[in-house]
Amino acid sequence: MDDVSYDQLADDYGWLVGGAALVVYLLFALLVLIAYVRIIQKAGYSGWWVLIGLVPIVNVVMFFVFAFSRWPVLRERDTLRSGRGVGYPG
């Protein structure tokens, strides 16, 4: 009967486990990136602003700018509610 040791299995199939972990990590990172893009778009900004998150220091500054500035979506909503918007039926 052939007895396969743990070390032999690790040597033979270690690359497979590492490769699978890399694929899972990349899929998770892509899912998070898509979620960030959707959130930024719903706020009324371009989804490309997500890339600023890759720049150190600037990403923290832009986080606060996005958090405390008036979002374009809210400005548009307020304009439409005030009756100054084009095509507003009120």
N, C-alpha and C. Protein backbone atom coordinates (compact mmCIF):
# COMPACT_ATOMS: atom_id res chain seq x y z
N MET A 1 0.84 -1.17 0.00
CA MET A 1 0.00 0.00 0.00
C MET A 1 0.89 1.24 0.00
N ASP A 2 0.58 2.14 -0.88
CA ASP A 2 1.34 3.38 -0.98
C ASP A 2 0.87 4.37 0.08
N ASP A 3 1.80 4.87 0.86
CA ASP A 3 1.47 5.86 1.86
C ASP A 3 2.04 7.20 1.39
N VAL A 4 1.16 8.17 1.15
CA VAL A 4 1.57 9.48 0.66
C VAL A 4 1.67 10.42 1.86
N SER A 5 2.82 11.03 2.02
CA SER A 5 3.02 11.94 3.14
C SER A 5 2.47 13.34 2.80
N TYR A 6 2.27 14.11 3.84
CA TYR A 6 1.78 15.48 3.69
C TYR A 6 2.75 16.33 2.88
N ASP A 7 4.04 16.16 3.12
CA ASP A 7 5.05 16.93 2.40
C ASP A 7 5.00 16.66 0.91
N GLN A 8 4.77 15.43 0.55
CA GLN A 8 4.69 15.08 -0.87
C GLN A 8 3.45 15.72 -1.50
N LEU A 9 2.33 15.71 -0.78
CA LEU A 9 1.12 16.34 -1.29
C LEU A 9 1.32 17.85 -1.44
N ALA A 10 1.98 18.46 -0.46
CA ALA A 10 2.23 19.90 -0.52
C ALA A 10 3.13 20.24 -1.70
N ASP A 11 4.10 19.41 -1.96
CA ASP A 11 4.99 19.65 -3.09
C ASP A 11 4.26 19.47 -4.42
N ASP A 12 3.40 18.47 -4.48
CA ASP A 12 2.72 18.17 -5.74
C ASP A 12 1.55 19.10 -6.04
N TYR A 13 0.80 19.52 -5.02
CA TYR A 13 -0.43 20.28 -5.24
C TYR A 13 -0.44 21.65 -4.57
N GLY A 14 0.66 22.09 -4.04
CA GLY A 14 0.72 23.39 -3.39
C GLY A 14 0.42 24.53 -4.34
N TRP A 15 0.89 24.42 -5.57
CA TRP A 15 0.64 25.47 -6.55
C TRP A 15 -0.85 25.61 -6.85
N LEU A 16 -1.59 24.49 -6.78
CA LEU A 16 -3.01 24.52 -7.07
C LEU A 16 -3.77 25.30 -6.00
N VAL A 17 -3.42 25.08 -4.74
CA VAL A 17 -4.07 25.79 -3.64
C VAL A 17 -3.74 27.28 -3.72
N GLY A 18 -2.49 27.61 -3.98
CA GLY A 18 -2.10 29.01 -4.10
C GLY A 18 -2.78 29.68 -5.28
N GLY A 19 -2.88 28.97 -6.39
CA GLY A 19 -3.56 29.52 -7.58
C GLY A 19 -5.04 29.74 -7.34
N ALA A 20 -5.67 28.80 -6.65
CA ALA A 20 -7.10 28.94 -6.34
C ALA A 20 -7.33 30.12 -5.39
N ALA A 21 -6.44 30.29 -4.43
CA ALA A 21 -6.56 31.42 -3.49
C ALA A 21 -6.39 32.74 -4.23
N LEU A 22 -5.49 32.79 -5.18
CA LEU A 22 -5.29 34.00 -5.97
C LEU A 22 -6.53 34.33 -6.79
N VAL A 23 -7.14 33.34 -7.39
CA VAL A 23 -8.35 33.55 -8.19
C VAL A 23 -9.48 34.05 -7.30
N VAL A 24 -9.65 33.46 -6.13
CA VAL A 24 -10.70 33.90 -5.20
C VAL A 24 -10.44 35.33 -4.76
N TYR A 25 -9.21 35.67 -4.46
CA TYR A 25 -8.86 37.03 -4.05
C TYR A 25 -9.18 38.02 -5.17
N LEU A 26 -8.79 37.71 -6.40
CA LEU A 26 -9.04 38.62 -7.52
C LEU A 26 -10.53 38.80 -7.77
N LEU A 27 -11.31 37.73 -7.66
CA LEU A 27 -12.76 37.83 -7.84
C LEU A 27 -13.37 38.71 -6.75
N PHE A 28 -12.93 38.53 -5.52
CA PHE A 28 -13.43 39.35 -4.41
C PHE A 28 -13.05 40.82 -4.62
N ALA A 29 -11.82 41.08 -5.03
CA ALA A 29 -11.38 42.46 -5.27
C ALA A 29 -12.19 43.10 -6.39
N LEU A 30 -12.50 42.35 -7.44
CA LEU A 30 -13.31 42.86 -8.54
C LEU A 30 -14.73 43.17 -8.07
N LEU A 31 -15.29 42.30 -7.25
CA LEU A 31 -16.63 42.53 -6.72
C LEU A 31 -16.68 43.80 -5.87
N VAL A 32 -15.68 44.01 -5.03
CA VAL A 32 -15.62 45.21 -4.19
C VAL A 32 -15.45 46.46 -5.06
N LEU A 33 -14.62 46.38 -6.09
CA LEU A 33 -14.41 47.51 -6.98
C LEU A 33 -15.71 47.88 -7.70
N ILE A 34 -16.45 46.89 -8.17
CA ILE A 34 -17.73 47.15 -8.83
C ILE A 34 -18.71 47.80 -7.86
N ALA A 35 -18.73 47.34 -6.62
CA ALA A 35 -19.62 47.93 -5.62
C ALA A 35 -19.25 49.40 -5.37
N TYR A 36 -17.96 49.70 -5.26
CA TYR A 36 -17.53 51.08 -5.06
C TYR A 36 -17.95 51.96 -6.24
N VAL A 37 -17.77 51.47 -7.44
CA VAL A 37 -18.15 52.24 -8.64
C VAL A 37 -19.65 52.53 -8.61
N ARG A 38 -20.46 51.54 -8.28
CA ARG A 38 -21.91 51.75 -8.23
C ARG A 38 -22.30 52.78 -7.17
N ILE A 39 -21.66 52.74 -6.02
CA ILE A 39 -21.97 53.70 -4.96
C ILE A 39 -21.63 55.12 -5.40
N ILE A 40 -20.46 55.28 -6.00
CA ILE A 40 -20.02 56.61 -6.46
C ILE A 40 -20.96 57.12 -7.56
N GLN A 41 -21.39 56.23 -8.46
CA GLN A 41 -22.30 56.64 -9.52
C GLN A 41 -23.66 57.05 -8.95
N LYS A 42 -24.13 56.35 -7.94
CA LYS A 42 -25.42 56.71 -7.33
C LYS A 42 -25.35 58.05 -6.62
N ALA A 43 -24.16 58.45 -6.21
CA ALA A 43 -23.99 59.76 -5.59
C ALA A 43 -23.95 60.86 -6.64
N GLY A 44 -23.81 60.50 -7.91
CA GLY A 44 -23.81 61.48 -8.98
C GLY A 44 -22.44 61.80 -9.55
N TYR A 45 -21.44 61.10 -9.10
CA TYR A 45 -20.08 61.31 -9.61
C TYR A 45 -19.75 60.25 -10.64
N SER A 46 -18.68 60.48 -11.37
CA SER A 46 -18.21 59.48 -12.33
C SER A 46 -17.58 58.31 -11.59
N GLY A 47 -17.80 57.10 -12.11
CA GLY A 47 -17.23 55.91 -11.50
C GLY A 47 -15.71 55.88 -11.54
N TRP A 48 -15.12 56.68 -12.40
CA TRP A 48 -13.66 56.73 -12.51
C TRP A 48 -13.01 57.29 -11.26
N TRP A 49 -13.78 57.98 -10.41
CA TRP A 49 -13.23 58.52 -9.17
C TRP A 49 -12.74 57.42 -8.24
N VAL A 50 -13.15 56.20 -8.48
CA VAL A 50 -12.70 55.08 -7.66
C VAL A 50 -11.19 54.91 -7.77
N LEU A 51 -10.64 55.24 -8.91
CA LEU A 51 -9.20 55.09 -9.12
C LEU A 51 -8.38 55.98 -8.20
N ILE A 52 -8.98 57.06 -7.70
CA ILE A 52 -8.25 57.95 -6.79
C ILE A 52 -7.92 57.21 -5.49
N GLY A 53 -8.64 56.14 -5.21
CA GLY A 53 -8.37 55.35 -4.02
C GLY A 53 -7.03 54.65 -4.05
N LEU A 54 -6.41 54.59 -5.21
CA LEU A 54 -5.11 53.94 -5.34
C LEU A 54 -3.95 54.89 -5.05
N VAL A 55 -4.24 56.18 -4.94
CA VAL A 55 -3.19 57.18 -4.73
C VAL A 55 -3.11 57.50 -3.24
N PRO A 56 -1.98 57.22 -2.60
CA PRO A 56 -1.86 57.49 -1.16
C PRO A 56 -2.03 58.97 -0.84
N ILE A 57 -2.53 59.27 0.31
CA ILE A 57 -2.80 60.59 0.86
C ILE A 57 -3.98 61.26 0.12
N VAL A 58 -3.93 61.28 -1.19
CA VAL A 58 -5.02 61.90 -1.97
C VAL A 58 -6.32 61.14 -1.72
N ASN A 59 -6.22 59.82 -1.55
CA ASN A 59 -7.44 59.04 -1.33
C ASN A 59 -8.13 59.45 -0.03
N VAL A 60 -7.38 59.77 1.00
CA VAL A 60 -7.99 60.19 2.26
C VAL A 60 -8.64 61.57 2.11
N VAL A 61 -7.96 62.46 1.41
CA VAL A 61 -8.50 63.80 1.18
C VAL A 61 -9.81 63.70 0.38
N MET A 62 -9.80 62.91 -0.67
CA MET A 62 -11.00 62.78 -1.51
C MET A 62 -12.13 62.08 -0.75
N PHE A 63 -11.80 61.18 0.16
CA PHE A 63 -12.82 60.55 0.99
C PHE A 63 -13.58 61.63 1.77
N PHE A 64 -12.87 62.58 2.36
CA PHE A 64 -13.53 63.64 3.11
C PHE A 64 -14.27 64.61 2.19
N VAL A 65 -13.73 64.87 1.00
CA VAL A 65 -14.43 65.72 0.05
C VAL A 65 -15.76 65.08 -0.34
N PHE A 66 -15.74 63.80 -0.67
CA PHE A 66 -16.99 63.11 -1.03
C PHE A 66 -17.95 63.06 0.16
N ALA A 67 -17.43 62.90 1.35
CA ALA A 67 -18.28 62.75 2.53
C ALA A 67 -18.98 64.05 2.91
N PHE A 68 -18.30 65.18 2.77
CA PHE A 68 -18.85 66.43 3.29
C PHE A 68 -19.26 67.44 2.23
N SER A 69 -19.10 67.14 0.95
CA SER A 69 -19.56 68.05 -0.09
C SER A 69 -21.00 67.72 -0.46
N ARG A 70 -21.64 68.62 -1.14
CA ARG A 70 -23.02 68.41 -1.60
C ARG A 70 -22.95 67.57 -2.86
N TRP A 71 -23.59 66.42 -2.84
CA TRP A 71 -23.53 65.50 -3.96
C TRP A 71 -24.33 66.04 -5.14
N PRO A 72 -23.86 65.81 -6.38
CA PRO A 72 -24.58 66.28 -7.56
C PRO A 72 -26.02 65.77 -7.61
N VAL A 73 -26.26 64.57 -7.16
CA VAL A 73 -27.60 64.01 -7.17
C VAL A 73 -28.52 64.81 -6.25
N LEU A 74 -28.02 65.23 -5.11
CA LEU A 74 -28.83 66.01 -4.18
C LEU A 74 -29.07 67.42 -4.71
N ARG A 75 -28.08 68.00 -5.37
CA ARG A 75 -28.27 69.33 -5.97
C ARG A 75 -29.34 69.27 -7.05
N GLU A 76 -29.31 68.24 -7.86
CA GLU A 76 -30.31 68.08 -8.93
C GLU A 76 -31.70 67.89 -8.33
N ARG A 77 -31.79 67.08 -7.28
CA ARG A 77 -33.08 66.85 -6.64
C ARG A 77 -33.64 68.15 -6.06
N ASP A 78 -32.80 68.93 -5.40
CA ASP A 78 -33.26 70.18 -4.81
C ASP A 78 -33.69 71.18 -5.87
N THR A 79 -32.98 71.20 -6.99
CA THR A 79 -33.35 72.08 -8.10
C THR A 79 -34.71 71.69 -8.65
N LEU A 80 -34.94 70.43 -8.84
CA LEU A 80 -36.23 69.98 -9.36
C LEU A 80 -37.37 70.23 -8.37
N ARG A 81 -37.11 70.07 -7.10
CA ARG A 81 -38.15 70.31 -6.09
C ARG A 81 -38.49 71.79 -5.95
N SER A 82 -37.54 72.65 -6.23
CA SER A 82 -37.80 74.08 -6.09
C SER A 82 -38.55 74.64 -7.29
N GLY A 83 -38.68 73.86 -8.36
CA GLY A 83 -39.42 74.32 -9.52
C GLY A 83 -38.58 75.06 -10.53
N ARG A 84 -37.28 75.16 -10.28
CA ARG A 84 -36.39 75.84 -11.22
C ARG A 84 -35.87 74.90 -12.30
N GLY A 85 -36.15 73.62 -12.15
CA GLY A 85 -35.63 72.64 -13.11
C GLY A 85 -36.40 72.65 -14.42
N VAL A 86 -35.75 72.23 -15.45
CA VAL A 86 -36.37 72.17 -16.76
C VAL A 86 -37.33 71.00 -16.81
N GLY A 87 -38.54 71.27 -17.24
CA GLY A 87 -39.51 70.20 -17.39
C GLY A 87 -40.17 69.76 -16.10
N TYR A 88 -40.03 70.55 -15.07
CA TYR A 88 -40.65 70.20 -13.79
C TYR A 88 -42.14 70.51 -13.87
N PRO A 89 -42.99 69.53 -13.61
CA PRO A 89 -44.44 69.74 -13.82
C PRO A 89 -45.12 70.43 -12.64
N GLY A 90 -44.46 71.25 -11.90
CA GLY A 90 -45.13 71.84 -10.75
C GLY A 90 -45.06 73.30 -10.80
